[in-house]
Amino acid sequence: LLAAVMLTGCGKAKLPEGFEEAAVKEMAEQSIELFNARDYEALWEMGSDELKESITAEQFAQACDPYLDKCGAFEEISKSVVMGGTDKNA
C-alpha cells in the first residue's frame, strides 16, 4: 500500500528538477523494507516536517501494525512508475 501511494498518481508528470528516478525508486524500496521490518521510527524520520508535526512515531506504528498483522508483509514490486506532482498547499 505504501509503495502504491508513493509510486502512483492521476497523470504522468516529470519529476521536479533535482530528483532522479533511480533515487526515488530506491527511497520507495527502502521505505517498503522499513515498513515490513516494522521500523516505524526510521520510516517516520524519513518523512517531512509536516508529517512529523501531524503524527508521532508511536501513532504511526499504531496505525501501521494492524495493517501488517492483517495483510502480511509486502512480497514484491511487479511494476513501478515514478512521476512528479505539486503540493497544493505550497
PDB file of N, CA and C in Angstrom:
ATOM      1  N   LEU A   1       0.829  -1.190   0.000  1.00  0.00           N
ATOM      2  CA  LEU A   1       0.000   0.000   0.000  1.00  0.00           C
ATOM      3  C   LEU A   1       0.872   1.251   0.000  1.00  0.00           C
ATOM      4  N   LEU A   2       1.885   1.276   0.870  1.00  0.00           N
ATOM      5  CA  LEU A   2       2.753   2.448   0.928  1.00  0.00           C
ATOM      6  C   LEU A   2       3.410   2.699  -0.421  1.00  0.00           C
ATOM      7  N   ALA A   3       3.884   1.636  -1.060  1.00  0.00           N
ATOM      8  CA  ALA A   3       4.510   1.801  -2.368  1.00  0.00           C
ATOM      9  C   ALA A   3       3.506   2.315  -3.376  1.00  0.00           C
ATOM     10  N   ALA A   4       2.298   1.825  -3.303  1.00  0.00           N
ATOM     11  CA  ALA A   4       1.270   2.277  -4.234  1.00  0.00           C
ATOM     12  C   ALA A   4       1.021   3.762  -4.072  1.00  0.00           C
ATOM     13  N   VAL A   5       0.981   4.212  -2.828  1.00  0.00           N
ATOM     14  CA  VAL A   5       0.766   5.633  -2.570  1.00  0.00           C
ATOM     15  C   VAL A   5       1.939   6.447  -3.092  1.00  0.00           C
ATOM     16  N   MET A   6       3.145   5.945  -2.900  1.00  0.00           N
ATOM     17  CA  MET A   6       4.323   6.701  -3.290  1.00  0.00           C
ATOM     18  C   MET A   6       4.579   6.663  -4.796  1.00  0.00           C
ATOM     19  N   LEU A   7       4.125   5.610  -5.460  1.00  0.00           N
ATOM     20  CA  LEU A   7       4.510   5.426  -6.845  1.00  0.00           C
ATOM     21  C   LEU A   7       3.367   5.568  -7.846  1.00  0.00           C
ATOM     22  N   THR A   8       2.197   6.019  -7.402  1.00  0.00           N
ATOM     23  CA  THR A   8       1.095   6.169  -8.340  1.00  0.00           C
ATOM     24  C   THR A   8       0.538   7.573  -8.303  1.00  0.00           C
ATOM     25  N   GLY A   9      -0.242   7.912  -9.287  1.00  0.00           N
ATOM     26  CA  GLY A   9      -0.866   9.224  -9.344  1.00  0.00           C
ATOM     27  C   GLY A   9      -1.874   9.272 -10.468  1.00  0.00           C
ATOM     28  N   CYS A  10      -2.447  10.444 -10.682  1.00  0.00           N
ATOM     29  CA  CYS A  10      -3.501  10.586 -11.687  1.00  0.00           C
ATOM     30  C   CYS A  10      -2.960  10.722 -13.099  1.00  0.00           C
ATOM     31  N   GLY A  11      -1.798  11.304 -13.263  1.00  0.00           N
ATOM     32  CA  GLY A  11      -1.261  11.500 -14.598  1.00  0.00           C
ATOM     33  C   GLY A  11       0.245  11.464 -14.559  1.00  0.00           C
ATOM     34  N   LYS A  12       0.848  11.181 -15.685  1.00  0.00           N
ATOM     35  CA  LYS A  12       2.303  11.099 -15.772  1.00  0.00           C
ATOM     36  C   LYS A  12       2.876  12.508 -15.867  1.00  0.00           C
ATOM     37  N   ALA A  13       3.659  12.885 -14.884  1.00  0.00           N
ATOM     38  CA  ALA A  13       4.313  14.190 -14.878  1.00  0.00           C
ATOM     39  C   ALA A  13       5.795  13.976 -14.604  1.00  0.00           C
ATOM     40  N   LYS A  14       6.626  14.803 -15.195  1.00  0.00           N
ATOM     41  CA  LYS A  14       8.068  14.691 -14.986  1.00  0.00           C
ATOM     42  C   LYS A  14       8.406  14.994 -13.537  1.00  0.00           C
ATOM     43  N   LEU A  15       9.491  14.384 -13.081  1.00  0.00           N
ATOM     44  CA  LEU A  15       9.973  14.675 -11.738  1.00  0.00           C
ATOM     45  C   LEU A  15      10.491  16.106 -11.686  1.00  0.00           C
ATOM     46  N   PRO A  16      10.347  16.752 -10.541  1.00  0.00           N
ATOM     47  CA  PRO A  16      10.883  18.108 -10.404  1.00  0.00           C
ATOM     48  C   PRO A  16      12.407  18.110 -10.550  1.00  0.00           C
ATOM     49  N   GLU A  17      12.937  19.246 -10.909  1.00  0.00           N
ATOM     50  CA  GLU A  17      14.380  19.401 -11.040  1.00  0.00           C
ATOM     51  C   GLU A  17      15.053  19.008  -9.734  1.00  0.00           C
ATOM     52  N   GLY A  18      16.153  18.279  -9.833  1.00  0.00           N
ATOM     53  CA  GLY A  18      16.890  17.854  -8.651  1.00  0.00           C
ATOM     54  C   GLY A  18      16.537  16.449  -8.190  1.00  0.00           C
ATOM     55  N   PHE A  19      15.502  15.845  -8.767  1.00  0.00           N
ATOM     56  CA  PHE A  19      15.116  14.482  -8.424  1.00  0.00           C
ATOM     57  C   PHE A  19      15.526  13.546  -9.551  1.00  0.00           C
ATOM     58  N   GLU A  20      16.050  12.380  -9.178  1.00  0.00           N
ATOM     59  CA  GLU A  20      16.420  11.376 -10.163  1.00  0.00           C
ATOM     60  C   GLU A  20      15.558  10.140  -9.957  1.00  0.00           C
ATOM     61  N   GLU A  21      15.067   9.569 -11.051  1.00  0.00           N
ATOM     62  CA  GLU A  21      14.154   8.427 -10.976  1.00  0.00           C
ATOM     63  C   GLU A  21      14.739   7.275 -10.164  1.00  0.00           C
ATOM     64  N   ALA A  22      15.999   6.947 -10.381  1.00  0.00           N
ATOM     65  CA  ALA A  22      16.615   5.825  -9.665  1.00  0.00           C
ATOM     66  C   ALA A  22      16.632   6.080  -8.160  1.00  0.00           C
ATOM     67  N   ALA A  23      16.932   7.302  -7.757  1.00  0.00           N
ATOM     68  CA  ALA A  23      16.972   7.636  -6.332  1.00  0.00           C
ATOM     69  C   ALA A  23      15.581   7.585  -5.714  1.00  0.00           C
ATOM     70  N   VAL A  24      14.571   8.026  -6.455  1.00  0.00           N
ATOM     71  CA  VAL A  24      13.194   7.989  -5.956  1.00  0.00           C
ATOM     72  C   VAL A  24      12.750   6.539  -5.771  1.00  0.00           C
ATOM     73  N   LYS A  25      13.049   5.687  -6.749  1.00  0.00           N
ATOM     74  CA  LYS A  25      12.701   4.266  -6.642  1.00  0.00           C
ATOM     75  C   LYS A  25      13.420   3.616  -5.462  1.00  0.00           C
ATOM     76  N   GLU A  26      14.689   3.942  -5.292  1.00  0.00           N
ATOM     77  CA  GLU A  26      15.465   3.381  -4.181  1.00  0.00           C
ATOM     78  C   GLU A  26      14.856   3.786  -2.835  1.00  0.00           C
ATOM     79  N   MET A  27      14.436   5.030  -2.714  1.00  0.00           N
ATOM     80  CA  MET A  27      13.820   5.513  -1.477  1.00  0.00           C
ATOM     81  C   MET A  27      12.501   4.783  -1.216  1.00  0.00           C
ATOM     82  N   ALA A  28      11.726   4.556  -2.258  1.00  0.00           N
ATOM     83  CA  ALA A  28      10.461   3.827  -2.109  1.00  0.00           C
ATOM     84  C   ALA A  28      10.719   2.396  -1.650  1.00  0.00           C
ATOM     85  N   GLU A  29      11.711   1.747  -2.241  1.00  0.00           N
ATOM     86  CA  GLU A  29      12.045   0.376  -1.851  1.00  0.00           C
ATOM     87  C   GLU A  29      12.548   0.327  -0.411  1.00  0.00           C
ATOM     88  N   GLN A  30      13.349   1.312  -0.013  1.00  0.00           N
ATOM     89  CA  GLN A  30      13.827   1.384   1.367  1.00  0.00           C
ATOM     90  C   GLN A  30      12.648   1.560   2.320  1.00  0.00           C
ATOM     91  N   SER A  31      11.690   2.373   1.940  1.00  0.00           N
ATOM     92  CA  SER A  31      10.501   2.588   2.765  1.00  0.00           C
ATOM     93  C   SER A  31       9.723   1.291   2.955  1.00  0.00           C
ATOM     94  N   ILE A  32       9.592   0.519   1.889  1.00  0.00           N
ATOM     95  CA  ILE A  32       8.890  -0.766   1.974  1.00  0.00           C
ATOM     96  C   ILE A  32       9.616  -1.704   2.929  1.00  0.00           C
ATOM     97  N   GLU A  33      10.944  -1.765   2.822  1.00  0.00           N
ATOM     98  CA  GLU A  33      11.734  -2.623   3.710  1.00  0.00           C
ATOM     99  C   GLU A  33      11.552  -2.217   5.170  1.00  0.00           C
ATOM    100  N   LEU A  34      11.593  -0.926   5.447  1.00  0.00           N
ATOM    101  CA  LEU A  34      11.408  -0.447   6.821  1.00  0.00           C
ATOM    102  C   LEU A  34      10.004  -0.766   7.324  1.00  0.00           C
ATOM    103  N   PHE A  35       9.013  -0.598   6.466  1.00  0.00           N
ATOM    104  CA  PHE A  35       7.629  -0.894   6.825  1.00  0.00           C
ATOM    105  C   PHE A  35       7.481  -2.372   7.175  1.00  0.00           C
ATOM    106  N   ASN A  36       8.016  -3.256   6.331  1.00  0.00           N
ATOM    107  CA  ASN A  36       7.940  -4.695   6.591  1.00  0.00           C
ATOM    108  C   ASN A  36       8.671  -5.088   7.864  1.00  0.00           C
ATOM    109  N   ALA A  37       9.765  -4.391   8.169  1.00  0.00           N
ATOM    110  CA  ALA A  37      10.538  -4.668   9.382  1.00  0.00           C
ATOM    111  C   ALA A  37       9.915  -4.006  10.608  1.00  0.00           C
ATOM    112  N   ARG A  38       8.828  -3.265  10.389  1.00  0.00           N
ATOM    113  CA  ARG A  38       8.141  -2.523  11.450  1.00  0.00           C
ATOM    114  C   ARG A  38       9.072  -1.517  12.126  1.00  0.00           C
ATOM    115  N   ASP A  39      10.003  -1.003  11.345  1.00  0.00           N
ATOM    116  CA  ASP A  39      10.909   0.036  11.842  1.00  0.00           C
ATOM    117  C   ASP A  39      10.252   1.387  11.557  1.00  0.00           C
ATOM    118  N   TYR A  40       9.161   1.640  12.261  1.00  0.00           N
ATOM    119  CA  TYR A  40       8.356   2.834  12.006  1.00  0.00           C
ATOM    120  C   TYR A  40       9.086   4.116  12.389  1.00  0.00           C
ATOM    121  N   GLU A  41       9.951   4.030  13.379  1.00  0.00           N
ATOM    122  CA  GLU A  41      10.721   5.213  13.784  1.00  0.00           C
ATOM    123  C   GLU A  41      11.589   5.690  12.616  1.00  0.00           C
ATOM    124  N   ALA A  42      12.305   4.761  11.979  1.00  0.00           N
ATOM    125  CA  ALA A  42      13.157   5.129  10.843  1.00  0.00           C
ATOM    126  C   ALA A  42      12.315   5.623   9.672  1.00  0.00           C
ATOM    127  N   LEU A  43      11.191   4.987   9.443  1.00  0.00           N
ATOM    128  CA  LEU A  43      10.300   5.402   8.362  1.00  0.00           C
ATOM    129  C   LEU A  43       9.733   6.791   8.638  1.00  0.00           C
ATOM    130  N   TRP A  44       9.333   7.023   9.869  1.00  0.00           N
ATOM    131  CA  TRP A  44       8.811   8.331  10.285  1.00  0.00           C
ATOM    132  C   TRP A  44       9.886   9.405  10.114  1.00  0.00           C
ATOM    133  N   GLU A  45      11.134   9.069  10.467  1.00  0.00           N
ATOM    134  CA  GLU A  45      12.248  10.021  10.338  1.00  0.00           C
ATOM    135  C   GLU A  45      12.471  10.434   8.882  1.00  0.00           C
ATOM    136  N   MET A  46      12.132   9.562   7.945  1.00  0.00           N
ATOM    137  CA  MET A  46      12.280   9.879   6.523  1.00  0.00           C
ATOM    138  C   MET A  46      11.227  10.887   6.062  1.00  0.00           C
ATOM    139  N   GLY A  47      10.177  11.049   6.843  1.00  0.00           N
ATOM    140  CA  GLY A  47       9.064  11.911   6.470  1.00  0.00           C
ATOM    141  C   GLY A  47       9.393  13.390   6.557  1.00  0.00           C
ATOM    142  N   SER A  48       8.502  14.170   6.024  1.00  0.00           N
ATOM    143  CA  SER A  48       8.650  15.627   6.022  1.00  0.00           C
ATOM    144  C   SER A  48       8.401  16.193   7.418  1.00  0.00           C
ATOM    145  N   ASP A  49       8.778  17.439   7.611  1.00  0.00           N
ATOM    146  CA  ASP A  49       8.498  18.118   8.878  1.00  0.00           C
ATOM    147  C   ASP A  49       6.993  18.178   9.119  1.00  0.00           C
ATOM    148  N   GLU A  50       6.238  18.368   8.046  1.00  0.00           N
ATOM    149  CA  GLU A  50       4.777  18.420   8.156  1.00  0.00           C
ATOM    150  C   GLU A  50       4.226  17.100   8.704  1.00  0.00           C
ATOM    151  N   LEU A  51       4.754  15.986   8.219  1.00  0.00           N
ATOM    152  CA  LEU A  51       4.334  14.677   8.730  1.00  0.00           C
ATOM    153  C   LEU A  51       4.669  14.556  10.212  1.00  0.00           C
ATOM    154  N   LYS A  52       5.893  14.919  10.561  1.00  0.00           N
ATOM    155  CA  LYS A  52       6.356  14.780  11.944  1.00  0.00           C
ATOM    156  C   LYS A  52       5.564  15.659  12.903  1.00  0.00           C
ATOM    157  N   GLU A  53       5.061  16.785  12.408  1.00  0.00           N
ATOM    158  CA  GLU A  53       4.242  17.660  13.248  1.00  0.00           C
ATOM    159  C   GLU A  53       2.818  17.141  13.399  1.00  0.00           C
ATOM    160  N   SER A  54       2.376  16.308  12.448  1.00  0.00           N
ATOM    161  CA  SER A  54       0.985  15.852  12.466  1.00  0.00           C
ATOM    162  C   SER A  54       0.781  14.512  13.162  1.00  0.00           C
ATOM    163  N   ILE A  55       1.840  13.709  13.301  1.00  0.00           N
ATOM    164  CA  ILE A  55       1.708  12.389  13.908  1.00  0.00           C
ATOM    165  C   ILE A  55       3.039  11.992  14.542  1.00  0.00           C
ATOM    166  N   THR A  56       2.966  11.324  15.678  1.00  0.00           N
ATOM    167  CA  THR A  56       4.190  10.839  16.318  1.00  0.00           C
ATOM    168  C   THR A  56       4.562   9.482  15.729  1.00  0.00           C
ATOM    169  N   ALA A  57       5.798   9.064  15.972  1.00  0.00           N
ATOM    170  CA  ALA A  57       6.233   7.748  15.507  1.00  0.00           C
ATOM    171  C   ALA A  57       5.380   6.657  16.151  1.00  0.00           C
ATOM    172  N   GLU A  58       5.008   6.839  17.415  1.00  0.00           N
ATOM    173  CA  GLU A  58       4.148   5.864  18.101  1.00  0.00           C
ATOM    174  C   GLU A  58       2.779   5.779  17.445  1.00  0.00           C
ATOM    175  N   GLN A  59       2.186   6.919  17.129  1.00  0.00           N
ATOM    176  CA  GLN A  59       0.878   6.927  16.464  1.00  0.00           C
ATOM    177  C   GLN A  59       0.968   6.274  15.084  1.00  0.00           C
ATOM    178  N   PHE A  60       2.069   6.527  14.401  1.00  0.00           N
ATOM    179  CA  PHE A  60       2.293   5.926  13.090  1.00  0.00           C
ATOM    180  C   PHE A  60       2.349   4.404  13.220  1.00  0.00           C
ATOM    181  N   ALA A  61       3.074   3.919  14.226  1.00  0.00           N
ATOM    182  CA  ALA A  61       3.171   2.478  14.469  1.00  0.00           C
ATOM    183  C   ALA A  61       1.804   1.881  14.785  1.00  0.00           C
ATOM    184  N   GLN A  62       1.034   2.577  15.605  1.00  0.00           N
ATOM    185  CA  GLN A  62      -0.301   2.085  15.966  1.00  0.00           C
ATOM    186  C   GLN A  62      -1.206   1.987  14.741  1.00  0.00           C
ATOM    187  N   ALA A  63      -1.010   2.866  13.781  1.00  0.00           N
ATOM    188  CA  ALA A  63      -1.811   2.830  12.557  1.00  0.00           C
ATOM    189  C   ALA A  63      -1.328   1.735  11.601  1.00  0.00           C
ATOM    190  N   CYS A  64      -0.032   1.472  11.583  1.00  0.00           N
ATOM    191  CA  CYS A  64       0.537   0.523  10.619  1.00  0.00           C
ATOM    192  C   CYS A  64       0.475  -0.928  11.080  1.00  0.00           C
ATOM    193  N   ASP A  65       0.692  -1.175  12.358  1.00  0.00           N
ATOM    194  CA  ASP A  65       0.725  -2.553  12.856  1.00  0.00           C
ATOM    195  C   ASP A  65      -0.511  -3.363  12.483  1.00  0.00           C
ATOM    196  N   PRO A  66      -1.726  -2.848  12.673  1.00  0.00           N
ATOM    197  CA  PRO A  66      -2.902  -3.651  12.312  1.00  0.00           C
ATOM    198  C   PRO A  66      -2.927  -4.029  10.827  1.00  0.00           C
ATOM    199  N   TYR A  67      -2.442  -3.132   9.982  1.00  0.00           N
ATOM    200  CA  TYR A  67      -2.406  -3.428   8.545  1.00  0.00           C
ATOM    201  C   TYR A  67      -1.475  -4.606   8.275  1.00  0.00           C
ATOM    202  N   LEU A  68      -0.257  -4.565   8.830  1.00  0.00           N
ATOM    203  CA  LEU A  68       0.680  -5.664   8.612  1.00  0.00           C
ATOM    204  C   LEU A  68       0.180  -6.951   9.252  1.00  0.00           C
ATOM    205  N   ASP A  69      -0.438  -6.839  10.426  1.00  0.00           N
ATOM    206  CA  ASP A  69      -0.980  -8.028  11.085  1.00  0.00           C
ATOM    207  C   ASP A  69      -2.044  -8.691  10.215  1.00  0.00           C
ATOM    208  N   LYS A  70      -2.874  -7.893   9.579  1.00  0.00           N
ATOM    209  CA  LYS A  70      -3.976  -8.420   8.767  1.00  0.00           C
ATOM    210  C   LYS A  70      -3.506  -8.887   7.390  1.00  0.00           C
ATOM    211  N   CYS A  71      -2.698  -8.072   6.734  1.00  0.00           N
ATOM    212  CA  CYS A  71      -2.350  -8.331   5.331  1.00  0.00           C
ATOM    213  C   CYS A  71      -1.018  -9.047   5.138  1.00  0.00           C
ATOM    214  N   GLY A  72      -0.154  -8.974   6.110  1.00  0.00           N
ATOM    215  CA  GLY A  72       1.163  -9.576   5.963  1.00  0.00           C
ATOM    216  C   GLY A  72       2.132  -8.642   5.261  1.00  0.00           C
ATOM    217  N   ALA A  73       3.366  -9.079   5.189  1.00  0.00           N
ATOM    218  CA  ALA A  73       4.431  -8.273   4.610  1.00  0.00           C
ATOM    219  C   ALA A  73       4.292  -8.179   3.095  1.00  0.00           C
ATOM    220  N   PHE A  74       4.765  -7.086   2.573  1.00  0.00           N
ATOM    221  CA  PHE A  74       4.827  -6.866   1.134  1.00  0.00           C
ATOM    222  C   PHE A  74       5.728  -7.934   0.531  1.00  0.00           C
ATOM    223  N   GLU A  75       5.371  -8.456  -0.634  1.00  0.00           N
ATOM    224  CA  GLU A  75       6.138  -9.542  -1.233  1.00  0.00           C
ATOM    225  C   GLU A  75       7.015  -9.123  -2.405  1.00  0.00           C
ATOM    226  N   GLU A  76       6.475  -8.351  -3.334  1.00  0.00           N
ATOM    227  CA  GLU A  76       7.282  -7.982  -4.492  1.00  0.00           C
ATOM    228  C   GLU A  76       6.735  -6.727  -5.174  1.00  0.00           C
ATOM    229  N   ILE A  77       7.615  -6.102  -5.941  1.00  0.00           N
ATOM    230  CA  ILE A  77       7.221  -4.982  -6.791  1.00  0.00           C
ATOM    231  C   ILE A  77       7.088  -5.557  -8.194  1.00  0.00           C
ATOM    232  N   SER A  78       5.900  -5.508  -8.752  1.00  0.00           N
ATOM    233  CA  SER A  78       5.709  -6.037 -10.102  1.00  0.00           C
ATOM    234  C   SER A  78       5.863  -4.937 -11.155  1.00  0.00           C
ATOM    235  N   LYS A  79       5.583  -3.704 -10.776  1.00  0.00           N
ATOM    236  CA  LYS A  79       5.704  -2.577 -11.700  1.00  0.00           C
ATOM    237  C   LYS A  79       5.804  -1.300 -10.877  1.00  0.00           C
ATOM    238  N   SER A  80       6.600  -0.363 -11.338  1.00  0.00           N
ATOM    239  CA  SER A  80       6.676   0.924 -10.649  1.00  0.00           C
ATOM    240  C   SER A  80       6.683   2.049 -11.678  1.00  0.00           C
ATOM    241  N   VAL A  81       6.076   3.147 -11.291  1.00  0.00           N
ATOM    242  CA  VAL A  81       6.022   4.343 -12.120  1.00  0.00           C
ATOM    243  C   VAL A  81       6.397   5.508 -11.223  1.00  0.00           C
ATOM    244  N   VAL A  82       7.323   6.315 -11.669  1.00  0.00           N
ATOM    245  CA  VAL A  82       7.762   7.472 -10.894  1.00  0.00           C
ATOM    246  C   VAL A  82       7.330   8.721 -11.640  1.00  0.00           C
ATOM    247  N   MET A  83       6.678   9.628 -10.916  1.00  0.00           N
ATOM    248  CA  MET A  83       6.207  10.860 -11.550  1.00  0.00           C
ATOM    249  C   MET A  83       6.250  12.009 -10.559  1.00  0.00           C
ATOM    250  N   GLY A  84       6.222  13.195 -11.063  1.00  0.00           N
ATOM    251  CA  GLY A  84       6.223  14.386 -10.236  1.00  0.00           C
ATOM    252  C   GLY A  84       4.819  14.791  -9.842  1.00  0.00           C
ATOM    253  N   GLY A  85       4.761  15.738  -8.959  1.00  0.00           N
ATOM    254  CA  GLY A  85       3.484  16.277  -8.513  1.00  0.00           C
ATOM    255  C   GLY A  85       3.707  17.639  -7.895  1.00  0.00           C
ATOM    256  N   THR A  86       2.640  18.276  -7.507  1.00  0.00           N
ATOM    257  CA  THR A  86       2.748  19.575  -6.860  1.00  0.00           C
ATOM    258  C   THR A  86       2.029  19.542  -5.532  1.00  0.00           C
ATOM    259  N   ASP A  87       2.539  20.299  -4.593  1.00  0.00           N
ATOM    260  CA  ASP A  87       1.913  20.442  -3.283  1.00  0.00           C
ATOM    261  C   ASP A  87       0.922  21.593  -3.388  1.00  0.00           C
ATOM    262  N   LYS A  88      -0.344  21.281  -3.320  1.00  0.00           N
ATOM    263  CA  LYS A  88      -1.376  22.304  -3.478  1.00  0.00           C
ATOM    264  C   LYS A  88      -1.389  23.301  -2.328  1.00  0.00           C
ATOM    265  N   ASN A  89      -0.719  22.957  -1.220  1.00  0.00           N
ATOM    266  CA  ASN A  89      -0.663  23.848  -0.063  1.00  0.00           C
ATOM    267  C   ASN A  89       0.546  24.768  -0.101  1.00  0.00           C
ATOM    268  N   ALA A  90       1.440  24.556  -1.057  1.00  0.00           N
ATOM    269  CA  ALA A  90       2.670  25.358  -1.109  1.00  0.00           C
ATOM    270  C   ALA A  90       2.462  26.620  -1.911  1.00  0.00           C
TER     271      ALA A  90
END
